[in-house]
Amino acid sequence: MTKLRKKTILTCLDCGETILGGSHLSRHVQQKHSYSSYDEYKIKHNLIKTTKQLLDEGAVECKICGLISHDLTSHITRKHKMSILEYKHAHGSIRSEQYLNNQSERILGDKNPAYDHQGKFSPFSDKFIYAHTTDKEELKKKVSDSHKTNGNNNTTLAYWIKLGFSEAEAKEQISNRQRTFTIEKCIEKYGEVKGTQRWVDRQELWHNSCKKNRRCGFSMISQTLFWEIFNKLININSIYFAELDSNKSPDYSGVNNEYKLRLSSTVLLPDFIDLDSRKIIEFDGTYWHGELKRKYPNRLRDVDRDKLLINEGYDVLHIAEDKYNENPKNTLELCLRYLNA
């Protein structure tokens, strides 16, 4: 088989005649050799697999028309004019396990052309090979505008609801997507040391992004308590909380100024921290720490989170919102005794 100006010259395996292009060969084998279809000819000469062979290998079936294949991607988008997400939501898998394993093996590790590229293939990196001709800010804006215009930002509820998911299902899809990057997966892929470092670096980038885009929420009632504490302290240089900026002045803009505390295995944002004494106050608001939320605990919340902090030399005091509301004065005194002890 040789290629000539993007047209393929094929040889009929029954008679040896050379044919220009697959469509001409299909017509040839049906007319001259009486095949019922081009597929019959290809199956006879082991050019494609039979349905039984495909099924035995675990291939998937198109739920719309019954086509059997290890990869239905092109078939679904071209034949049925559906997006992959729409099909998956309605019918399930589009690729077989064999296909996924083969693809993973094919580009695993140093087999990947972009293996350990250190940013040279990322247009958002300073090491990008075309960095001198790329305006990163303009590129980021272009990508962001594209997401908004096309509605293809899969971190939003609107994106999943548009595909036919209910609001509850949409929230689950976003949650599943956010769980794809975990410290366990990093360690499994890169090893204990490098994997942990990648996870911590990624968490720090995320916290920086949160602060820049004002996405990390904090309760206003907690800030009332923290300002009361702050105004009673003598040494304030090592104090950090959401509404206190780097100059130790009030910041009511909505930006979260909580200190990014880098631990050995993650980065956390304590509600209130005194770096000198290594003491932390966590304000447990009713919404995030009440009965409803206890059914769906965050991975590094409360007990697990405190263990990480204590193991690295920090002390933690929890203040419950309902207890603070019952007696703000006593709560303030408790916090001051804790910080000054």
Protein backbone atom coordinates (compact mmCIF):
# COMPACT_ATOMS: atom_id res chain seq x y z
CA MET A 1 0.00 0.00 0.00
CA THR A 2 1.55 3.34 -1.07
CA LYS A 3 0.25 6.87 -0.80
CA LEU A 4 0.16 9.17 -3.79
CA ARG A 5 -0.90 12.77 -3.25
CA LYS A 6 -3.17 11.86 -0.35
CA LYS A 7 -4.93 9.20 -2.46
CA THR A 8 -4.26 5.56 -1.61
CA ILE A 9 -3.39 2.94 -4.21
CA LEU A 10 -4.78 -0.42 -3.08
CA THR A 11 -4.30 -3.89 -4.46
CA CYS A 12 -7.24 -6.27 -4.68
CA LEU A 13 -6.23 -9.38 -2.73
CA ASP A 14 -8.45 -11.58 -4.89
CA CYS A 15 -7.18 -10.68 -8.36
CA GLY A 16 -4.13 -8.44 -7.85
CA GLU A 17 -5.59 -5.48 -9.72
CA THR A 18 -4.48 -2.07 -8.45
CA ILE A 19 -7.30 0.29 -7.46
CA LEU A 20 -7.13 4.01 -6.64
CA GLY A 21 -8.94 4.63 -3.34
CA GLY A 22 -11.04 2.58 -0.94
CA SER A 23 -14.40 3.53 -2.46
CA HIS A 24 -13.28 2.26 -5.88
CA LEU A 25 -11.99 -0.97 -4.33
CA SER A 26 -15.32 -1.43 -2.56
CA ARG A 27 -17.18 -1.11 -5.83
CA HIS A 28 -14.65 -3.41 -7.53
CA VAL A 29 -14.95 -6.33 -5.05
CA GLN A 30 -18.74 -6.17 -5.02
CA GLN A 31 -19.12 -6.01 -8.79
CA LYS A 32 -16.28 -8.26 -9.95
CA HIS A 33 -16.03 -10.72 -7.05
CA SER A 34 -19.66 -10.71 -5.88
CA TYR A 35 -19.07 -9.71 -2.26
CA SER A 36 -22.21 -8.56 -0.48
CA SER A 37 -20.29 -5.67 1.09
CA TYR A 38 -16.84 -4.20 1.39
CA ASP A 39 -16.77 -5.40 5.02
CA GLU A 40 -17.24 -9.01 3.86
CA TYR A 41 -14.15 -8.65 1.69
CA LYS A 42 -12.14 -7.12 4.57
CA ILE A 43 -13.24 -9.80 7.04
CA LYS A 44 -12.24 -12.56 4.62
CA HIS A 45 -8.72 -11.16 4.33
CA ASN A 46 -8.42 -10.32 8.05
CA LEU A 47 -8.41 -6.60 7.37
CA ILE A 48 -11.08 -6.05 10.00
CA LYS A 49 -12.43 -8.18 12.84
CA THR A 50 -15.79 -9.90 12.95
CA THR A 51 -18.51 -8.80 15.35
CA LYS A 52 -17.90 -11.93 17.44
CA GLN A 53 -14.19 -11.19 17.67
CA LEU A 54 -14.88 -7.62 18.74
CA LEU A 55 -17.41 -8.69 21.36
CA ASP A 56 -15.03 -11.35 22.70
CA GLU A 57 -12.44 -8.59 23.14
CA GLY A 58 -14.90 -6.47 25.12
CA ALA A 59 -15.76 -3.93 22.43
CA VAL A 60 -18.71 -1.60 23.10
CA GLU A 61 -21.97 -1.40 21.19
CA CYS A 62 -23.53 1.83 19.93
CA LYS A 63 -26.87 2.00 21.74
CA ILE A 64 -28.39 3.97 18.87
CA CYS A 65 -27.61 1.79 15.85
CA GLY A 66 -25.81 -1.30 17.20
CA LEU A 67 -22.36 -0.74 15.67
CA ILE A 68 -19.65 -2.69 17.54
CA SER A 69 -16.29 -1.01 18.04
CA HIS A 70 -13.54 -0.45 20.57
CA ASP A 71 -13.95 3.32 20.07
CA LEU A 72 -17.27 4.94 19.14
CA THR A 73 -16.06 8.54 19.32
CA SER A 74 -15.97 9.36 15.62
CA HIS A 75 -19.06 7.26 14.91
CA ILE A 76 -21.16 9.13 17.47
CA THR A 77 -20.12 12.63 16.43
CA ARG A 78 -20.26 12.02 12.67
CA LYS A 79 -23.03 9.48 12.24
CA HIS A 80 -25.38 10.56 15.02
CA LYS A 81 -24.35 14.23 15.30
CA MET A 82 -24.14 14.04 19.10
CA SER A 83 -21.54 15.33 21.50
CA ILE A 84 -19.67 12.68 23.46
CA LEU A 85 -21.01 14.00 26.76
CA GLU A 86 -24.61 13.84 25.52
CA TYR A 87 -24.15 10.24 24.43
CA LYS A 88 -22.41 9.25 27.66
CA HIS A 89 -25.17 10.78 29.75
CA ALA A 90 -27.85 8.92 27.80
CA HIS A 91 -26.14 5.61 27.01
CA GLY A 92 -22.86 5.12 28.87
CA SER A 93 -19.39 4.07 27.68
CA ILE A 94 -17.95 4.92 24.28
CA ARG A 95 -14.62 3.07 24.57
CA SER A 96 -13.67 -0.43 25.65
CA GLU A 97 -11.27 -1.21 28.48
CA GLN A 98 -8.88 -2.75 25.94
CA TYR A 99 -8.82 0.47 23.94
CA LEU A 100 -8.20 2.62 27.01
CA ASN A 101 -5.45 0.33 28.28
CA ASN A 102 -3.75 0.28 24.88
CA GLN A 103 -3.92 4.06 24.58
CA SER A 104 -2.55 4.49 28.09
CA GLU A 105 0.30 2.05 27.42
CA ARG A 106 1.09 3.71 24.09
CA ILE A 107 1.84 7.10 25.64
CA LEU A 108 2.91 6.01 29.12
CA GLY A 109 5.95 7.72 30.64
CA ASP A 110 8.79 8.51 28.27
CA LYS A 111 6.78 7.12 25.32
CA ASN A 112 4.80 10.35 25.43
CA PRO A 113 6.27 12.97 23.05
CA ALA A 114 5.61 15.58 25.75
CA TYR A 115 7.08 13.51 28.60
CA ASP A 116 8.46 15.74 31.37
CA HIS A 117 8.34 18.74 29.03
CA GLN A 118 8.88 21.19 31.94
CA GLY A 119 6.42 23.66 30.43
CA LYS A 120 7.92 23.98 26.95
CA PHE A 121 4.70 22.68 25.35
CA SER A 122 2.32 24.76 27.48
CA PRO A 123 1.38 28.16 26.01
CA PHE A 124 0.71 29.36 29.57
CA SER A 125 4.29 28.62 30.70
CA ASP A 126 7.27 30.99 30.56
CA LYS A 127 9.25 28.05 29.13
CA PHE A 128 6.88 27.64 26.17
CA ILE A 129 8.93 27.20 22.98
CA TYR A 130 6.97 30.04 21.34
CA ALA A 131 6.80 32.22 24.47
CA HIS A 132 8.47 35.14 22.69
CA THR A 133 5.55 35.37 20.25
CA THR A 134 2.73 34.50 22.67
CA ASP A 135 0.79 37.01 24.76
CA LYS A 136 -0.21 34.91 27.79
CA GLU A 137 -2.76 37.37 29.13
CA GLU A 138 -4.42 37.66 25.75
CA LEU A 139 -4.42 33.87 25.42
CA LYS A 140 -6.01 33.42 28.87
CA LYS A 141 -8.70 35.96 27.99
CA LYS A 142 -9.35 34.21 24.69
CA VAL A 143 -9.76 30.83 26.41
CA SER A 144 -11.99 32.34 29.11
CA ASP A 145 -14.16 34.14 26.56
CA SER A 146 -14.44 30.93 24.53
CA HIS A 147 -15.63 29.01 27.59
CA LYS A 148 -18.27 31.62 28.34
CA THR A 149 -19.41 32.01 24.73
CA ASN A 150 -19.59 28.30 23.94
CA GLY A 151 -20.80 27.23 27.37
CA ASN A 152 -18.07 24.59 27.53
CA ASN A 153 -16.70 25.30 30.99
CA ASN A 154 -17.28 21.95 32.68
CA THR A 155 -16.73 23.40 36.15
CA THR A 156 -20.10 25.20 36.03
CA LEU A 157 -23.61 23.94 36.75
CA ALA A 158 -24.91 25.59 33.56
CA TYR A 159 -22.60 23.43 31.43
CA TRP A 160 -23.94 20.13 32.81
CA ILE A 161 -27.57 21.25 33.01
CA LYS A 162 -27.39 22.22 29.33
CA LEU A 163 -26.45 18.61 28.58
CA GLY A 164 -29.61 17.35 30.27
CA PHE A 165 -28.36 16.68 33.80
CA SER A 166 -30.50 17.65 36.78
CA GLU A 167 -29.04 20.18 39.21
CA ALA A 168 -28.15 17.40 41.67
CA GLU A 169 -26.52 15.34 38.89
CA ALA A 170 -24.65 18.43 37.67
CA LYS A 171 -23.21 19.02 41.15
CA GLU A 172 -22.08 15.38 41.26
CA GLN A 173 -20.37 15.73 37.86
CA ILE A 174 -18.45 18.78 39.07
CA SER A 175 -17.53 17.00 42.29
CA ASN A 176 -16.27 13.96 40.34
CA ARG A 177 -14.19 16.20 38.09
CA GLN A 178 -12.61 17.93 41.08
CA ARG A 179 -11.66 14.57 42.59
CA THR A 180 -9.57 13.58 39.55
CA PHE A 181 -6.49 15.34 40.93
CA THR A 182 -5.63 13.81 44.31
CA ILE A 183 -2.45 13.36 46.32
CA GLU A 184 -2.89 9.58 46.03
CA LYS A 185 -2.91 9.77 42.23
CA CYS A 186 0.10 12.09 42.23
CA ILE A 187 2.09 9.69 44.41
CA GLU A 188 1.00 6.70 42.31
CA LYS A 189 2.12 8.44 39.13
CA TYR A 190 5.28 10.26 40.24
CA GLY A 191 6.39 8.50 43.43
CA GLU A 192 6.21 9.58 47.08
CA VAL A 193 8.56 12.59 46.99
CA LYS A 194 7.87 14.06 43.56
CA GLY A 195 4.16 13.24 43.73
CA THR A 196 3.71 14.96 47.08
CA GLN A 197 5.59 18.01 45.83
CA ARG A 198 3.39 18.24 42.72
CA TRP A 199 0.27 18.03 44.90
CA VAL A 200 1.46 20.78 47.26
CA ASP A 201 2.48 23.03 44.37
CA ARG A 202 -0.91 22.52 42.72
CA GLN A 203 -2.73 23.34 45.99
CA GLU A 204 -0.73 26.54 46.36
CA LEU A 205 -1.56 27.58 42.80
CA TRP A 206 -5.23 26.90 43.51
CA HIS A 207 -5.18 29.03 46.66
CA ASN A 208 -3.46 31.85 44.75
CA SER A 209 -6.14 31.63 42.09
CA CYS A 210 -8.86 31.68 44.75
CA LYS A 211 -7.47 34.85 46.25
CA LYS A 212 -7.09 36.54 42.88
CA ASN A 213 -10.63 35.70 41.82
CA ARG A 214 -12.22 36.12 45.27
CA ARG A 215 -13.54 32.57 45.16
CA CYS A 216 -12.55 31.44 48.67
CA GLY A 217 -15.45 32.37 50.89
CA PHE A 218 -15.31 33.24 54.57
CA SER A 219 -18.07 34.03 57.03
CA MET A 220 -18.59 37.65 57.97
CA ILE A 221 -19.48 36.74 61.54
CA SER A 222 -16.06 35.10 61.97
CA GLN A 223 -14.42 38.38 60.95
CA THR A 224 -16.34 40.21 63.66
CA LEU A 225 -14.75 37.93 66.25
CA PHE A 226 -11.31 38.10 64.65
CA TRP A 227 -11.32 41.91 64.62
CA GLU A 228 -12.25 41.90 68.31
CA ILE A 229 -9.32 39.57 69.00
CA PHE A 230 -6.94 41.58 66.80
CA ASN A 231 -7.76 44.86 68.57
CA LYS A 232 -6.90 43.29 71.94
CA LEU A 233 -3.49 41.95 70.90
CA ILE A 234 -0.15 43.67 71.35
CA ASN A 235 1.94 41.76 68.81
CA ILE A 236 -0.01 41.86 65.55
CA ASN A 237 2.75 41.33 62.97
CA SER A 238 2.33 37.57 62.89
CA ILE A 239 -1.49 37.61 62.75
CA TYR A 240 -3.42 36.69 59.60
CA PHE A 241 -7.12 36.38 58.77
CA ALA A 242 -9.39 37.11 55.80
CA GLU A 243 -10.09 40.84 56.21
CA LEU A 244 -6.58 41.76 57.39
CA ASP A 245 -4.29 42.75 54.52
CA SER A 246 -0.50 42.42 54.35
CA ASN A 247 -0.08 45.90 55.86
CA LYS A 248 -2.19 44.85 58.87
CA SER A 249 -4.98 47.16 57.76
CA PRO A 250 -8.67 46.37 57.17
CA ASP A 251 -9.52 45.01 53.71
CA TYR A 252 -13.26 44.88 53.08
CA SER A 253 -12.98 44.32 49.32
CA GLY A 254 -13.97 40.65 49.54
CA VAL A 255 -10.46 39.37 48.79
CA ASN A 256 -9.50 36.51 51.10
CA ASN A 257 -6.23 37.38 52.88
CA GLU A 258 -6.03 34.17 54.91
CA TYR A 259 -2.45 32.92 55.26
CA LYS A 260 -1.41 30.15 52.85
CA LEU A 261 0.11 27.68 55.28
CA ARG A 262 2.35 25.28 53.38
CA LEU A 263 2.61 21.89 55.09
CA SER A 264 4.62 18.87 53.98
CA SER A 265 1.67 17.29 52.17
CA THR A 266 -0.70 20.14 51.35
CA VAL A 267 -1.45 23.85 51.62
CA LEU A 268 -4.17 25.07 54.01
CA LEU A 269 -5.86 28.39 54.73
CA PRO A 270 -6.38 28.69 58.51
CA ASP A 271 -9.25 31.01 59.47
CA PHE A 272 -7.01 32.84 61.97
CA ILE A 273 -3.33 32.18 62.65
CA ASP A 274 -0.57 33.56 64.85
CA LEU A 275 2.62 32.43 63.11
CA ASP A 276 4.88 33.28 66.05
CA SER A 277 3.05 31.08 68.55
CA ARG A 278 1.91 28.62 65.84
CA LYS A 279 -1.64 28.86 67.14
CA ILE A 280 -4.71 28.64 64.93
CA ILE A 281 -8.37 29.48 65.50
CA GLU A 282 -10.91 27.76 63.26
CA PHE A 283 -14.38 29.30 63.17
CA ASP A 284 -16.89 26.51 62.57
CA GLY A 285 -19.81 28.21 60.91
CA THR A 286 -23.24 26.60 61.10
CA TYR A 287 -23.55 26.24 57.32
CA TRP A 288 -20.25 24.43 56.68
CA HIS A 289 -20.03 22.53 59.96
CA GLY A 290 -23.67 21.90 60.86
CA GLU A 291 -25.57 18.63 60.78
CA LEU A 292 -26.24 18.68 57.03
CA LYS A 293 -22.61 19.17 56.14
CA ARG A 294 -21.46 16.44 58.53
CA LYS A 295 -23.08 13.93 56.21
CA TYR A 296 -20.72 15.05 53.43
CA PRO A 297 -17.41 15.89 55.18
CA ASN A 298 -14.63 17.51 53.18
CA ARG A 299 -11.48 15.45 52.85
CA LEU A 300 -9.23 17.66 54.95
CA ARG A 301 -11.84 19.06 57.32
CA ASP A 302 -11.97 19.01 61.08
CA VAL A 303 -10.34 15.86 62.53
CA ASP A 304 -8.12 14.98 59.55
CA ARG A 305 -7.19 18.61 59.00
CA ASP A 306 -6.32 19.10 62.68
CA LYS A 307 -4.13 15.99 62.66
CA LEU A 308 -2.07 17.42 59.81
CA LEU A 309 -1.61 20.72 61.66
CA ILE A 310 -0.79 19.16 65.04
CA ASN A 311 1.72 16.75 63.48
CA GLU A 312 3.60 19.76 62.10
CA GLY A 313 3.71 21.67 65.38
CA TYR A 314 0.56 23.81 65.30
CA ASP A 315 -2.15 24.07 67.94
CA VAL A 316 -5.82 24.46 66.96
CA LEU A 317 -8.81 25.94 68.78
CA HIS A 318 -12.30 25.47 67.27
CA ILE A 319 -15.01 28.04 67.87
CA ALA A 320 -18.59 27.04 66.97
CA GLU A 321 -20.75 29.79 65.51
CA ASP A 322 -23.76 28.91 67.68
CA LYS A 323 -21.63 29.05 70.85
CA TYR A 324 -20.22 32.43 69.81
CA ASN A 325 -23.73 33.78 69.18
CA GLU A 326 -24.83 32.59 72.62
CA ASN A 327 -22.06 34.48 74.42
CA PRO A 328 -19.69 36.62 72.29
CA LYS A 329 -17.90 38.04 75.34
CA ASN A 330 -17.00 34.65 76.79
CA THR A 331 -15.86 33.43 73.37
CA LEU A 332 -13.59 36.45 72.96
CA GLU A 333 -12.05 35.86 76.41
CA LEU A 334 -11.52 32.16 75.57
CA CYS A 335 -9.67 33.05 72.39
CA LEU A 336 -7.47 35.63 74.09
CA ARG A 337 -6.53 33.22 76.89
CA TYR A 338 -5.67 30.63 74.25
CA LEU A 339 -3.48 33.00 72.23
CA ASN A 340 -1.73 34.53 75.26
CA ALA A 341 -1.05 31.28 77.11
